[in-house]
Amino acid sequence: MRSTQLRWIFLLGLGSMPVVSGCAAKNVSGSTEVNYKRSSLSDLVSESDKDLATATIYDFFALKEGSVNLDWIMNLEYALKKETFEFLYLPKMTHLRVDIAAKIATFEGRYLSLNGVQSFDAGALEELGNFEGSDLSLGALNTIDVPTADALANCSAYVLSLNGLGELDASSAMSLATFQGGGLALNGLRNLSSDAIGKLSAFRGDSLSLNGLESLDAVAATALAAFKGGEISLNGVASIDTETATALAAFQGDSLSLNGLRDIDEEAARALANYGGYIATSNNAMERIAKEFLQKNQEKQAGFTAPENVSTPPSDAKKSDS
């Protein structure tokens, strides 16, 4: 199994370019929207540079504070504030035109954030899909249909972040699962049907991030455990029962992230201790899981009998005599 230490994180940064010109209008959030009609890529980078001056990584990826690993946030926050030429951030763009999408796709940095885009021209997402950086974030899309999911799944970025999605049906989930990159981040979904989770589990990348989910039952956990990648992140789940823990423990990947898990009862901890990879969770939950893990190993060692056909290695004394 490939290692999943969030390899899509890099310590990077951005530079200064000429200021973009154009008339302004108000978008639905009340912020000033720039008219990008005559914008070149350098104009877009310049506009980005101004907004990045006050942006946080939570803003950039449309994340709820505390929803993801703190080290990940700190590393990228440091990169963002130190240098900025690897980040293109255009939160005031609410509609994506085909010509602008084509320009943006030529950006050679690693992180592209269009968290204001709520609508787009036909063909715009296909043009945007040519962006080959580390992460494409479209955090203002609250819901998507199958054609939109199909277009997004064809993008060339390593990670596709759709952290504004508030709902996702099974058909659209199945389309997103065809994404050929390394990570899918859908951290705004608070509820997701078992059917949709099952479709997402067919994603063949390394990391599936569902940190917005607040609860998970055994049926959904069983579907999720079928994911063949290296990491599942469920940092919004506060508690799990024994059946759900048993289902999650069947996951064959390297890492389960359950940092929102505040406590866990003894039976559920014992079930989760069967997981063969790394578990990231809160101190209280981790102490109980670790206790059950150690107890299980002690029980195995106490009941172990060497097979008759396995010879005992010679002692050091015997080695020295020979």
C-alpha atoms as a PDB file:
ATOM      1  CA  MET A   1       0.000   0.000   0.000  1.00  0.00           C
ATOM      2  CA  ARG A   2       1.326   3.391  -0.928  1.00  0.00           C
ATOM      3  CA  SER A   3       2.135   5.784   1.914  1.00  0.00           C
ATOM      4  CA  THR A   4      -0.488   8.483   2.476  1.00  0.00           C
ATOM      5  CA  GLN A   5       1.245  11.236   4.414  1.00  0.00           C
ATOM      6  CA  LEU A   6      -0.853  13.829   2.575  1.00  0.00           C
ATOM      7  CA  ARG A   7       1.786  13.884  -0.146  1.00  0.00           C
ATOM      8  CA  TRP A   8      -0.210  16.546  -1.959  1.00  0.00           C
ATOM      9  CA  ILE A   9       1.018  19.094   0.589  1.00  0.00           C
ATOM     10  CA  PHE A  10       3.969  21.237  -0.426  1.00  0.00           C
ATOM     11  CA  LEU A  11       5.685  24.248   1.139  1.00  0.00           C
ATOM     12  CA  LEU A  12       5.253  26.844  -1.537  1.00  0.00           C
ATOM     13  CA  GLY A  13       4.287  30.479  -2.243  1.00  0.00           C
ATOM     14  CA  LEU A  14       3.288  33.666  -4.923  1.00  0.00           C
ATOM     15  CA  GLY A  15       4.610  36.944  -6.459  1.00  0.00           C
ATOM     16  CA  SER A  16       3.391  40.378  -7.414  1.00  0.00           C
ATOM     17  CA  MET A  17       2.070  41.387 -10.843  1.00  0.00           C
ATOM     18  CA  PRO A  18       0.413  44.507 -12.389  1.00  0.00           C
ATOM     19  CA  VAL A  19      -3.004  45.437 -10.977  1.00  0.00           C
ATOM     20  CA  VAL A  20      -6.062  44.257 -12.884  1.00  0.00           C
ATOM     21  CA  SER A  21      -8.420  46.877 -14.271  1.00  0.00           C
ATOM     22  CA  GLY A  22     -12.157  46.647 -14.846  1.00  0.00           C
ATOM     23  CA  CYS A  23     -15.488  47.745 -13.474  1.00  0.00           C
ATOM     24  CA  ALA A  24     -16.854  46.181 -10.305  1.00  0.00           C
ATOM     25  CA  ALA A  25     -20.174  44.773  -9.196  1.00  0.00           C
ATOM     26  CA  LYS A  26     -21.496  43.206  -5.997  1.00  0.00           C
ATOM     27  CA  ASN A  27     -21.850  39.444  -5.812  1.00  0.00           C
ATOM     28  CA  VAL A  28     -24.299  37.558  -3.605  1.00  0.00           C
ATOM     29  CA  SER A  29     -21.954  37.564  -0.604  1.00  0.00           C
ATOM     30  CA  GLY A  30     -21.585  41.334  -0.695  1.00  0.00           C
ATOM     31  CA  SER A  31     -17.909  41.363  -1.704  1.00  0.00           C
ATOM     32  CA  THR A  32     -16.679  43.309  -4.730  1.00  0.00           C
ATOM     33  CA  GLU A  33     -16.603  41.275  -7.919  1.00  0.00           C
ATOM     34  CA  VAL A  34     -14.065  42.116 -10.597  1.00  0.00           C
ATOM     35  CA  ASN A  35     -14.949  42.179 -14.289  1.00  0.00           C
ATOM     36  CA  TYR A  36     -12.358  39.833 -15.793  1.00  0.00           C
ATOM     37  CA  LYS A  37     -13.422  40.338 -19.416  1.00  0.00           C
ATOM     38  CA  ARG A  38     -10.094  41.725 -20.653  1.00  0.00           C
ATOM     39  CA  SER A  39      -7.912  40.046 -18.039  1.00  0.00           C
ATOM     40  CA  SER A  40      -4.682  38.307 -18.967  1.00  0.00           C
ATOM     41  CA  LEU A  41      -3.219  35.580 -16.752  1.00  0.00           C
ATOM     42  CA  SER A  42      -0.852  38.126 -15.218  1.00  0.00           C
ATOM     43  CA  ASP A  43      -3.869  40.325 -14.377  1.00  0.00           C
ATOM     44  CA  LEU A  44      -5.553  37.367 -12.699  1.00  0.00           C
ATOM     45  CA  VAL A  45      -2.439  36.593 -10.664  1.00  0.00           C
ATOM     46  CA  SER A  46      -2.259  40.234  -9.593  1.00  0.00           C
ATOM     47  CA  GLU A  47      -5.874  40.197  -8.434  1.00  0.00           C
ATOM     48  CA  SER A  48      -5.164  36.972  -6.589  1.00  0.00           C
ATOM     49  CA  ASP A  49      -2.145  38.514  -4.896  1.00  0.00           C
ATOM     50  CA  LYS A  50      -4.293  41.255  -3.356  1.00  0.00           C
ATOM     51  CA  ASP A  51      -6.811  38.792  -1.923  1.00  0.00           C
ATOM     52  CA  LEU A  52      -4.132  36.411  -0.680  1.00  0.00           C
ATOM     53  CA  ALA A  53      -2.752  39.185   1.526  1.00  0.00           C
ATOM     54  CA  THR A  54      -5.625  38.646   3.976  1.00  0.00           C
ATOM     55  CA  ALA A  55      -6.654  35.070   3.137  1.00  0.00           C
ATOM     56  CA  THR A  56      -6.113  32.034   5.341  1.00  0.00           C
ATOM     57  CA  ILE A  57      -5.693  28.457   4.170  1.00  0.00           C
ATOM     58  CA  TYR A  58      -9.198  27.809   5.499  1.00  0.00           C
ATOM     59  CA  ASP A  59     -10.426  30.491   3.088  1.00  0.00           C
ATOM     60  CA  PHE A  60      -8.374  29.119   0.240  1.00  0.00           C
ATOM     61  CA  PHE A  61      -9.799  25.601   0.495  1.00  0.00           C
ATOM     62  CA  ALA A  62     -13.272  26.595   1.777  1.00  0.00           C
ATOM     63  CA  LEU A  63     -12.725  24.651   4.984  1.00  0.00           C
ATOM     64  CA  LYS A  64     -14.332  24.916   8.388  1.00  0.00           C
ATOM     65  CA  GLU A  65     -11.719  25.730  11.033  1.00  0.00           C
ATOM     66  CA  GLY A  66     -10.655  22.673  12.980  1.00  0.00           C
ATOM     67  CA  SER A  67     -11.987  20.275  10.333  1.00  0.00           C
ATOM     68  CA  VAL A  68      -8.619  19.019   9.098  1.00  0.00           C
ATOM     69  CA  ASN A  69      -5.215  18.040  10.424  1.00  0.00           C
ATOM     70  CA  LEU A  70      -3.552  21.004  12.156  1.00  0.00           C
ATOM     71  CA  ASP A  71      -0.067  20.208  10.815  1.00  0.00           C
ATOM     72  CA  TRP A  72      -1.443  20.319   7.285  1.00  0.00           C
ATOM     73  CA  ILE A  73      -2.952  23.756   7.932  1.00  0.00           C
ATOM     74  CA  MET A  74       0.182  25.115   9.608  1.00  0.00           C
ATOM     75  CA  ASN A  75       2.480  23.939   6.796  1.00  0.00           C
ATOM     76  CA  LEU A  76       0.403  25.486   4.041  1.00  0.00           C
ATOM     77  CA  GLU A  77      -0.366  28.626   6.057  1.00  0.00           C
ATOM     78  CA  TYR A  78       3.358  29.169   6.476  1.00  0.00           C
ATOM     79  CA  ALA A  79       3.899  28.694   2.746  1.00  0.00           C
ATOM     80  CA  LEU A  80       1.069  31.045   1.857  1.00  0.00           C
ATOM     81  CA  LYS A  81       2.311  33.882   4.047  1.00  0.00           C
ATOM     82  CA  LYS A  82       5.991  33.441   3.172  1.00  0.00           C
ATOM     83  CA  GLU A  83       5.645  33.337  -0.620  1.00  0.00           C
ATOM     84  CA  THR A  84       2.624  33.281  -2.895  1.00  0.00           C
ATOM     85  CA  PHE A  85       3.559  32.464  -6.484  1.00  0.00           C
ATOM     86  CA  GLU A  86       2.238  28.892  -6.186  1.00  0.00           C
ATOM     87  CA  PHE A  87      -1.291  29.996  -5.179  1.00  0.00           C
ATOM     88  CA  LEU A  88      -3.959  31.457  -7.477  1.00  0.00           C
ATOM     89  CA  TYR A  89      -6.960  32.672  -5.461  1.00  0.00           C
ATOM     90  CA  LEU A  90      -9.940  34.358  -7.146  1.00  0.00           C
ATOM     91  CA  PRO A  91     -12.802  34.368  -4.585  1.00  0.00           C
ATOM     92  CA  LYS A  92     -14.641  37.270  -6.269  1.00  0.00           C
ATOM     93  CA  MET A  93     -15.223  35.390  -9.494  1.00  0.00           C
ATOM     94  CA  THR A  94     -18.803  34.098  -9.316  1.00  0.00           C
ATOM     95  CA  HIS A  95     -19.262  33.010 -12.937  1.00  0.00           C
ATOM     96  CA  LEU A  96     -16.618  31.152 -14.937  1.00  0.00           C
ATOM     97  CA  ARG A  97     -16.422  31.945 -18.633  1.00  0.00           C
ATOM     98  CA  VAL A  98     -14.809  29.592 -21.139  1.00  0.00           C
ATOM     99  CA  ASP A  99     -12.091  32.055 -22.166  1.00  0.00           C
ATOM    100  CA  ILE A 100     -11.171  32.861 -18.561  1.00  0.00           C
ATOM    101  CA  ALA A 101     -11.148  29.151 -17.654  1.00  0.00           C
ATOM    102  CA  ALA A 102      -8.703  28.524 -20.500  1.00  0.00           C
ATOM    103  CA  LYS A 103      -6.385  31.252 -19.183  1.00  0.00           C
ATOM    104  CA  ILE A 104      -6.585  30.044 -15.601  1.00  0.00           C
ATOM    105  CA  ALA A 105      -5.783  26.484 -16.670  1.00  0.00           C
ATOM    106  CA  THR A 106      -2.372  27.647 -17.894  1.00  0.00           C
ATOM    107  CA  PHE A 107      -1.379  28.761 -14.379  1.00  0.00           C
ATOM    108  CA  GLU A 108       1.826  26.885 -13.531  1.00  0.00           C
ATOM    109  CA  GLY A 109       1.548  27.049  -9.745  1.00  0.00           C
ATOM    110  CA  ARG A 110       0.243  24.217  -7.612  1.00  0.00           C
ATOM    111  CA  TYR A 111      -2.867  25.535  -5.908  1.00  0.00           C
ATOM    112  CA  LEU A 112      -5.913  26.987  -7.658  1.00  0.00           C
ATOM    113  CA  SER A 113      -8.908  28.262  -5.676  1.00  0.00           C
ATOM    114  CA  LEU A 114     -12.123  29.503  -7.293  1.00  0.00           C
ATOM    115  CA  ASN A 115     -14.327  29.474  -4.222  1.00  0.00           C
ATOM    116  CA  GLY A 116     -16.710  32.138  -5.490  1.00  0.00           C
ATOM    117  CA  VAL A 117     -17.726  30.346  -8.692  1.00  0.00           C
ATOM    118  CA  GLN A 118     -21.377  29.309  -8.566  1.00  0.00           C
ATOM    119  CA  SER A 119     -22.081  29.054 -12.306  1.00  0.00           C
ATOM    120  CA  PHE A 120     -20.124  28.522 -15.487  1.00  0.00           C
ATOM    121  CA  ASP A 121     -20.420  28.590 -19.269  1.00  0.00           C
ATOM    122  CA  ALA A 122     -20.834  25.345 -21.170  1.00  0.00           C
ATOM    123  CA  GLY A 123     -17.346  23.997 -21.727  1.00  0.00           C
ATOM    124  CA  ALA A 124     -15.750  26.091 -18.958  1.00  0.00           C
ATOM    125  CA  LEU A 125     -15.142  23.152 -16.634  1.00  0.00           C
ATOM    126  CA  GLU A 126     -13.630  21.189 -19.486  1.00  0.00           C
ATOM    127  CA  GLU A 127     -11.162  24.024 -20.078  1.00  0.00           C
ATOM    128  CA  LEU A 128     -10.455  24.329 -16.357  1.00  0.00           C
ATOM    129  CA  GLY A 129      -9.753  20.606 -16.255  1.00  0.00           C
ATOM    130  CA  ASN A 130      -6.496  21.232 -18.086  1.00  0.00           C
ATOM    131  CA  PHE A 131      -4.996  22.728 -14.916  1.00  0.00           C
ATOM    132  CA  GLU A 132      -2.278  20.276 -13.852  1.00  0.00           C
ATOM    133  CA  GLY A 133      -1.400  21.525 -10.376  1.00  0.00           C
ATOM    134  CA  SER A 134      -1.690  19.890  -6.983  1.00  0.00           C
ATOM    135  CA  ASP A 135      -5.142  21.094  -5.945  1.00  0.00           C
ATOM    136  CA  LEU A 136      -8.217  22.551  -7.613  1.00  0.00           C
ATOM    137  CA  SER A 137     -10.736  24.011  -5.156  1.00  0.00           C
ATOM    138  CA  LEU A 138     -14.313  24.981  -6.114  1.00  0.00           C
ATOM    139  CA  GLY A 139     -15.830  25.701  -2.735  1.00  0.00           C
ATOM    140  CA  ALA A 140     -18.992  27.594  -3.729  1.00  0.00           C
ATOM    141  CA  LEU A 141     -20.697  24.687  -5.478  1.00  0.00           C
ATOM    142  CA  ASN A 142     -23.406  23.532  -3.071  1.00  0.00           C
ATOM    143  CA  THR A 143     -24.822  20.838  -5.307  1.00  0.00           C
ATOM    144  CA  ILE A 144     -23.835  19.262  -8.624  1.00  0.00           C
ATOM    145  CA  ASP A 145     -25.611  17.159 -11.234  1.00  0.00           C
ATOM    146  CA  VAL A 146     -24.147  14.217 -13.133  1.00  0.00           C
ATOM    147  CA  PRO A 147     -22.858  16.204 -16.157  1.00  0.00           C
ATOM    148  CA  THR A 148     -21.083  18.636 -13.823  1.00  0.00           C
ATOM    149  CA  ALA A 149     -19.623  15.764 -11.799  1.00  0.00           C
ATOM    150  CA  ASP A 150     -18.442  14.130 -15.021  1.00  0.00           C
ATOM    151  CA  ALA A 151     -16.695  17.333 -16.123  1.00  0.00           C
ATOM    152  CA  LEU A 152     -15.065  17.809 -12.718  1.00  0.00           C
ATOM    153  CA  ALA A 153     -13.901  14.190 -12.626  1.00  0.00           C
ATOM    154  CA  ASN A 154     -11.946  14.775 -15.833  1.00  0.00           C
ATOM    155  CA  CYS A 155      -9.742  17.498 -14.319  1.00  0.00           C
ATOM    156  CA  SER A 156      -5.982  16.943 -14.276  1.00  0.00           C
ATOM    157  CA  ALA A 157      -5.237  18.275 -10.764  1.00  0.00           C
ATOM    158  CA  TYR A 158      -3.891  15.835  -8.172  1.00  0.00           C
ATOM    159  CA  VAL A 159      -6.581  16.717  -5.606  1.00  0.00           C
ATOM    160  CA  LEU A 160     -10.122  17.865  -6.342  1.00  0.00           C
ATOM    161  CA  SER A 161     -11.567  19.878  -3.432  1.00  0.00           C
ATOM    162  CA  LEU A 162     -15.325  20.465  -3.426  1.00  0.00           C
ATOM    163  CA  ASN A 163     -15.709  21.470   0.197  1.00  0.00           C
ATOM    164  CA  GLY A 164     -18.831  23.565  -0.378  1.00  0.00           C
ATOM    165  CA  LEU A 165     -21.004  20.638  -1.410  1.00  0.00           C
ATOM    166  CA  GLY A 166     -23.924  20.304   0.975  1.00  0.00           C
ATOM    167  CA  GLU A 167     -25.506  17.339  -0.753  1.00  0.00           C
ATOM    168  CA  LEU A 168     -24.462  14.631  -3.169  1.00  0.00           C
ATOM    169  CA  ASP A 169     -26.674  11.967  -4.716  1.00  0.00           C
ATOM    170  CA  ALA A 170     -25.466   8.488  -5.589  1.00  0.00           C
ATOM    171  CA  SER A 171     -25.356   9.113  -9.353  1.00  0.00           C
ATOM    172  CA  SER A 172     -23.176  12.217  -9.002  1.00  0.00           C
ATOM    173  CA  ALA A 173     -21.011  10.398  -6.454  1.00  0.00           C
ATOM    174  CA  MET A 174     -20.451   7.612  -8.953  1.00  0.00           C
ATOM    175  CA  SER A 175     -19.314  10.172 -11.529  1.00  0.00           C
ATOM    176  CA  LEU A 176     -16.933  11.900  -9.087  1.00  0.00           C
ATOM    177  CA  ALA A 177     -15.436   8.524  -8.204  1.00  0.00           C
ATOM    178  CA  THR A 178     -14.053   8.272 -11.736  1.00  0.00           C
ATOM    179  CA  PHE A 179     -11.656  11.160 -10.967  1.00  0.00           C
ATOM    180  CA  GLN A 180      -8.152   9.953 -11.847  1.00  0.00           C
ATOM    181  CA  GLY A 181      -6.251  12.093  -9.326  1.00  0.00           C
ATOM    182  CA  GLY A 182      -4.877  11.231  -5.923  1.00  0.00           C
ATOM    183  CA  GLY A 183      -7.405  12.821  -3.559  1.00  0.00           C
ATOM    184  CA  LEU A 184     -11.066  13.764  -3.282  1.00  0.00           C
ATOM    185  CA  ALA A 185     -11.950  16.318  -0.588  1.00  0.00           C
ATOM    186  CA  LEU A 186     -15.681  16.648   0.103  1.00  0.00           C
ATOM    187  CA  ASN A 187     -15.516  18.127   3.568  1.00  0.00           C
ATOM    188  CA  GLY A 188     -18.782  20.084   3.514  1.00  0.00           C
ATOM    189  CA  LEU A 189     -21.071  17.064   3.383  1.00  0.00           C
ATOM    190  CA  ARG A 190     -22.729  16.638   6.770  1.00  0.00           C
ATOM    191  CA  ASN A 191     -24.914  13.741   5.668  1.00  0.00           C
ATOM    192  CA  LEU A 192     -24.414  11.209   2.920  1.00  0.00           C
ATOM    193  CA  SER A 193     -26.462   8.142   2.040  1.00  0.00           C
ATOM    194  CA  SER A 194     -24.897   4.696   2.285  1.00  0.00           C
ATOM    195  CA  ASP A 195     -25.512   4.322  -1.441  1.00  0.00           C
ATOM    196  CA  ALA A 196     -23.572   7.517  -2.226  1.00  0.00           C
ATOM    197  CA  ILE A 197     -20.755   6.469   0.120  1.00  0.00           C
ATOM    198  CA  GLY A 198     -20.590   3.120  -1.646  1.00  0.00           C
ATOM    199  CA  LYS A 199     -20.238   4.870  -5.003  1.00  0.00           C
ATOM    200  CA  LEU A 200     -17.484   7.162  -3.669  1.00  0.00           C
ATOM    201  CA  SER A 201     -15.584   4.184  -2.287  1.00  0.00           C
ATOM    202  CA  ALA A 202     -14.915   3.114  -5.886  1.00  0.00           C
ATOM    203  CA  PHE A 203     -12.574   6.133  -6.202  1.00  0.00           C
ATOM    204  CA  ARG A 204      -9.117   4.758  -7.035  1.00  0.00           C
ATOM    205  CA  GLY A 205      -6.956   7.540  -5.608  1.00  0.00           C
ATOM    206  CA  ASP A 206      -4.996   7.634  -2.354  1.00  0.00           C
ATOM    207  CA  SER A 207      -7.145   9.818  -0.117  1.00  0.00           C
ATOM    208  CA  LEU A 208     -10.882  10.249   0.481  1.00  0.00           C
ATOM    209  CA  SER A 209     -11.720  13.119   2.818  1.00  0.00           C
ATOM    210  CA  LEU A 210     -15.241  13.373   4.305  1.00  0.00           C
ATOM    211  CA  ASN A 211     -14.539  15.487   7.359  1.00  0.00           C
ATOM    212  CA  GLY A 212     -17.987  17.083   7.401  1.00  0.00           C
ATOM    213  CA  LEU A 213     -19.853  13.858   8.138  1.00  0.00           C
ATOM    214  CA  GLU A 214     -21.212  14.058  11.671  1.00  0.00           C
ATOM    215  CA  SER A 215     -22.253  10.434  12.061  1.00  0.00           C
ATOM    216  CA  LEU A 216     -21.629   7.077  10.462  1.00  0.00           C
ATOM    217  CA  ASP A 217     -23.578   3.843  10.830  1.00  0.00           C
ATOM    218  CA  ALA A 218     -22.382   0.303  10.227  1.00  0.00           C
ATOM    219  CA  VAL A 219     -23.892   0.062   6.729  1.00  0.00           C
ATOM    220  CA  ALA A 220     -22.165   3.259   5.590  1.00  0.00           C
ATOM    221  CA  ALA A 221     -18.916   2.237   7.297  1.00  0.00           C
ATOM    222  CA  THR A 222     -18.961  -1.112   5.517  1.00  0.00           C
ATOM    223  CA  ALA A 223     -19.389   0.636   2.178  1.00  0.00           C
ATOM    224  CA  LEU A 224     -16.610   3.108   3.004  1.00  0.00           C
ATOM    225  CA  ALA A 225     -14.191   0.397   4.122  1.00  0.00           C
ATOM    226  CA  ALA A 226     -14.252  -0.971   0.565  1.00  0.00           C
ATOM    227  CA  PHE A 227     -12.203   2.071  -0.539  1.00  0.00           C
ATOM    228  CA  LYS A 228      -8.922   0.755  -1.980  1.00  0.00           C
ATOM    229  CA  GLY A 229      -6.844   3.879  -1.339  1.00  0.00           C
ATOM    230  CA  GLY A 230      -4.513   4.630   1.524  1.00  0.00           C
ATOM    231  CA  GLU A 231      -6.394   7.106   3.714  1.00  0.00           C
ATOM    232  CA  ILE A 232      -9.940   7.835   4.856  1.00  0.00           C
ATOM    233  CA  SER A 233     -10.517  11.027   6.811  1.00  0.00           C
ATOM    234  CA  LEU A 234     -13.642  11.328   8.999  1.00  0.00           C
ATOM    235  CA  ASN A 235     -12.750  14.073  11.455  1.00  0.00           C
ATOM    236  CA  GLY A 236     -16.350  15.231  11.942  1.00  0.00           C
ATOM    237  CA  VAL A 237     -17.604  11.937  13.419  1.00  0.00           C
ATOM    238  CA  ALA A 238     -17.902  12.374  17.194  1.00  0.00           C
ATOM    239  CA  SER A 239     -18.872   8.834  18.214  1.00  0.00           C
ATOM    240  CA  ILE A 240     -19.158   5.340  16.771  1.00  0.00           C
ATOM    241  CA  ASP A 241     -20.751   2.148  18.017  1.00  0.00           C
ATOM    242  CA  THR A 242     -19.221  -1.317  18.025  1.00  0.00           C
ATOM    243  CA  GLU A 243     -20.713  -2.399  14.691  1.00  0.00           C
ATOM    244  CA  THR A 244     -19.453   0.732  12.955  1.00  0.00           C
ATOM    245  CA  ALA A 245     -16.013   0.338  14.523  1.00  0.00           C
ATOM    246  CA  THR A 246     -15.882  -3.278  13.355  1.00  0.00           C
ATOM    247  CA  ALA A 247     -16.762  -2.215   9.823  1.00  0.00           C
ATOM    248  CA  LEU A 248     -14.147   0.567   9.759  1.00  0.00           C
ATOM    249  CA  ALA A 249     -11.468  -1.779  11.081  1.00  0.00           C
ATOM    250  CA  ALA A 250     -11.862  -3.831   7.898  1.00  0.00           C
ATOM    251  CA  PHE A 251     -10.426  -0.942   5.842  1.00  0.00           C
ATOM    252  CA  GLN A 252      -7.202  -2.151   4.217  1.00  0.00           C
ATOM    253  CA  GLY A 253      -5.551   1.256   3.773  1.00  0.00           C
ATOM    254  CA  ASP A 254      -2.742   2.852   5.743  1.00  0.00           C
ATOM    255  CA  SER A 255      -4.604   5.442   7.796  1.00  0.00           C
ATOM    256  CA  LEU A 256      -7.944   6.259   9.411  1.00  0.00           C
ATOM    257  CA  SER A 257      -8.352   9.831  10.612  1.00  0.00           C
ATOM    258  CA  LEU A 258     -10.962  10.206  13.372  1.00  0.00           C
ATOM    259  CA  ASN A 259      -9.795  13.359  15.125  1.00  0.00           C
ATOM    260  CA  GLY A 260     -13.347  14.357  16.043  1.00  0.00           C
ATOM    261  CA  LEU A 261     -13.885  11.171  18.046  1.00  0.00           C
ATOM    262  CA  ARG A 262     -14.140  12.439  21.624  1.00  0.00           C
ATOM    263  CA  ASP A 263     -14.625   9.150  23.397  1.00  0.00           C
ATOM    264  CA  ILE A 264     -15.327   5.541  22.594  1.00  0.00           C
ATOM    265  CA  ASP A 265     -16.710   2.722  24.714  1.00  0.00           C
ATOM    266  CA  GLU A 266     -14.703  -0.381  25.512  1.00  0.00           C
ATOM    267  CA  GLU A 267     -16.345  -2.699  22.979  1.00  0.00           C
ATOM    268  CA  ALA A 268     -16.035  -0.210  20.115  1.00  0.00           C
ATOM    269  CA  ALA A 269     -12.409   0.475  21.064  1.00  0.00           C
ATOM    270  CA  ARG A 270     -11.699  -3.241  21.065  1.00  0.00           C
ATOM    271  CA  ALA A 271     -13.237  -3.555  17.603  1.00  0.00           C
ATOM    272  CA  LEU A 272     -11.323  -0.568  16.218  1.00  0.00           C
ATOM    273  CA  ALA A 273      -8.078  -1.907  17.684  1.00  0.00           C
ATOM    274  CA  ASN A 274      -8.256  -4.637  15.034  1.00  0.00           C
ATOM    275  CA  TYR A 275      -7.473  -2.071  12.349  1.00  0.00           C
ATOM    276  CA  GLY A 276      -4.067  -2.807  10.871  1.00  0.00           C
ATOM    277  CA  GLY A 277      -3.047   0.761   9.960  1.00  0.00           C
ATOM    278  CA  TYR A 278      -2.512   4.056  11.741  1.00  0.00           C
ATOM    279  CA  ILE A 279      -5.425   5.695  13.579  1.00  0.00           C
ATOM    280  CA  ALA A 280      -5.427   9.439  14.237  1.00  0.00           C
ATOM    281  CA  THR A 281      -7.908  10.453  16.923  1.00  0.00           C
ATOM    282  CA  SER A 282      -8.364  12.444  20.134  1.00  0.00           C
ATOM    283  CA  ASN A 283      -6.343  11.622  23.243  1.00  0.00           C
ATOM    284  CA  ASN A 284      -9.249  10.111  25.175  1.00  0.00           C
ATOM    285  CA  ALA A 285     -10.285   7.820  22.342  1.00  0.00           C
ATOM    286  CA  MET A 286      -6.683   6.937  21.517  1.00  0.00           C
ATOM    287  CA  GLU A 287      -5.911   5.903  25.089  1.00  0.00           C
ATOM    288  CA  ARG A 288      -8.805   3.470  25.107  1.00  0.00           C
ATOM    289  CA  ILE A 289      -8.011   2.090  21.639  1.00  0.00           C
ATOM    290  CA  ALA A 290      -4.328   1.698  22.572  1.00  0.00           C
ATOM    291  CA  LYS A 291      -5.279  -0.099  25.780  1.00  0.00           C
ATOM    292  CA  GLU A 292      -7.455  -2.560  23.878  1.00  0.00           C
ATOM    293  CA  PHE A 293      -4.770  -3.025  21.225  1.00  0.00           C
ATOM    294  CA  LEU A 294      -2.142  -3.876  23.856  1.00  0.00           C
ATOM    295  CA  GLN A 295      -4.514  -6.220  25.642  1.00  0.00           C
ATOM    296  CA  LYS A 296      -5.286  -8.057  22.404  1.00  0.00           C
ATOM    297  CA  ASN A 297      -1.577  -8.502  21.668  1.00  0.00           C
ATOM    298  CA  GLN A 298      -0.901  -9.747  25.186  1.00  0.00           C
ATOM    299  CA  GLU A 299      -3.694 -12.285  24.793  1.00  0.00           C
ATOM    300  CA  LYS A 300      -2.255 -13.447  21.476  1.00  0.00           C
ATOM    301  CA  GLN A 301       1.219 -13.818  22.958  1.00  0.00           C
ATOM    302  CA  ALA A 302      -0.083 -15.658  26.014  1.00  0.00           C
ATOM    303  CA  GLY A 303      -1.911 -18.184  23.846  1.00  0.00           C
ATOM    304  CA  PHE A 304       0.891 -18.632  21.296  1.00  0.00           C
ATOM    305  CA  THR A 305       2.443 -22.104  20.880  1.00  0.00           C
ATOM    306  CA  ALA A 306       5.332 -22.617  18.469  1.00  0.00           C
ATOM    307  CA  PRO A 307       4.527 -25.158  15.730  1.00  0.00           C
ATOM    308  CA  GLU A 308       6.392 -28.458  16.100  1.00  0.00           C
ATOM    309  CA  ASN A 309       8.086 -28.117  12.708  1.00  0.00           C
ATOM    310  CA  VAL A 310       9.670 -24.758  13.589  1.00  0.00           C
ATOM    311  CA  SER A 311      13.130 -25.138  15.093  1.00  0.00           C
ATOM    312  CA  THR A 312      14.264 -22.949  17.985  1.00  0.00           C
ATOM    313  CA  PRO A 313      17.204 -20.682  17.108  1.00  0.00           C
ATOM    314  CA  PRO A 314      20.391 -21.557  19.024  1.00  0.00           C
ATOM    315  CA  SER A 315      21.170 -19.470  22.060  1.00  0.00           C
ATOM    316  CA  ASP A 316      24.147 -17.101  22.146  1.00  0.00           C
ATOM    317  CA  ALA A 317      25.962 -19.553  24.442  1.00  0.00           C
ATOM    318  CA  LYS A 318      25.610 -22.360  21.925  1.00  0.00           C
ATOM    319  CA  LYS A 319      26.736 -20.043  19.118  1.00  0.00           C
ATOM    320  CA  SER A 320      29.924 -19.132  21.028  1.00  0.00           C
ATOM    321  CA  ASP A 321      30.705 -22.814  21.777  1.00  0.00           C
ATOM    322  CA  SER A 322      30.567 -23.621  18.085  1.00  0.00           C
END
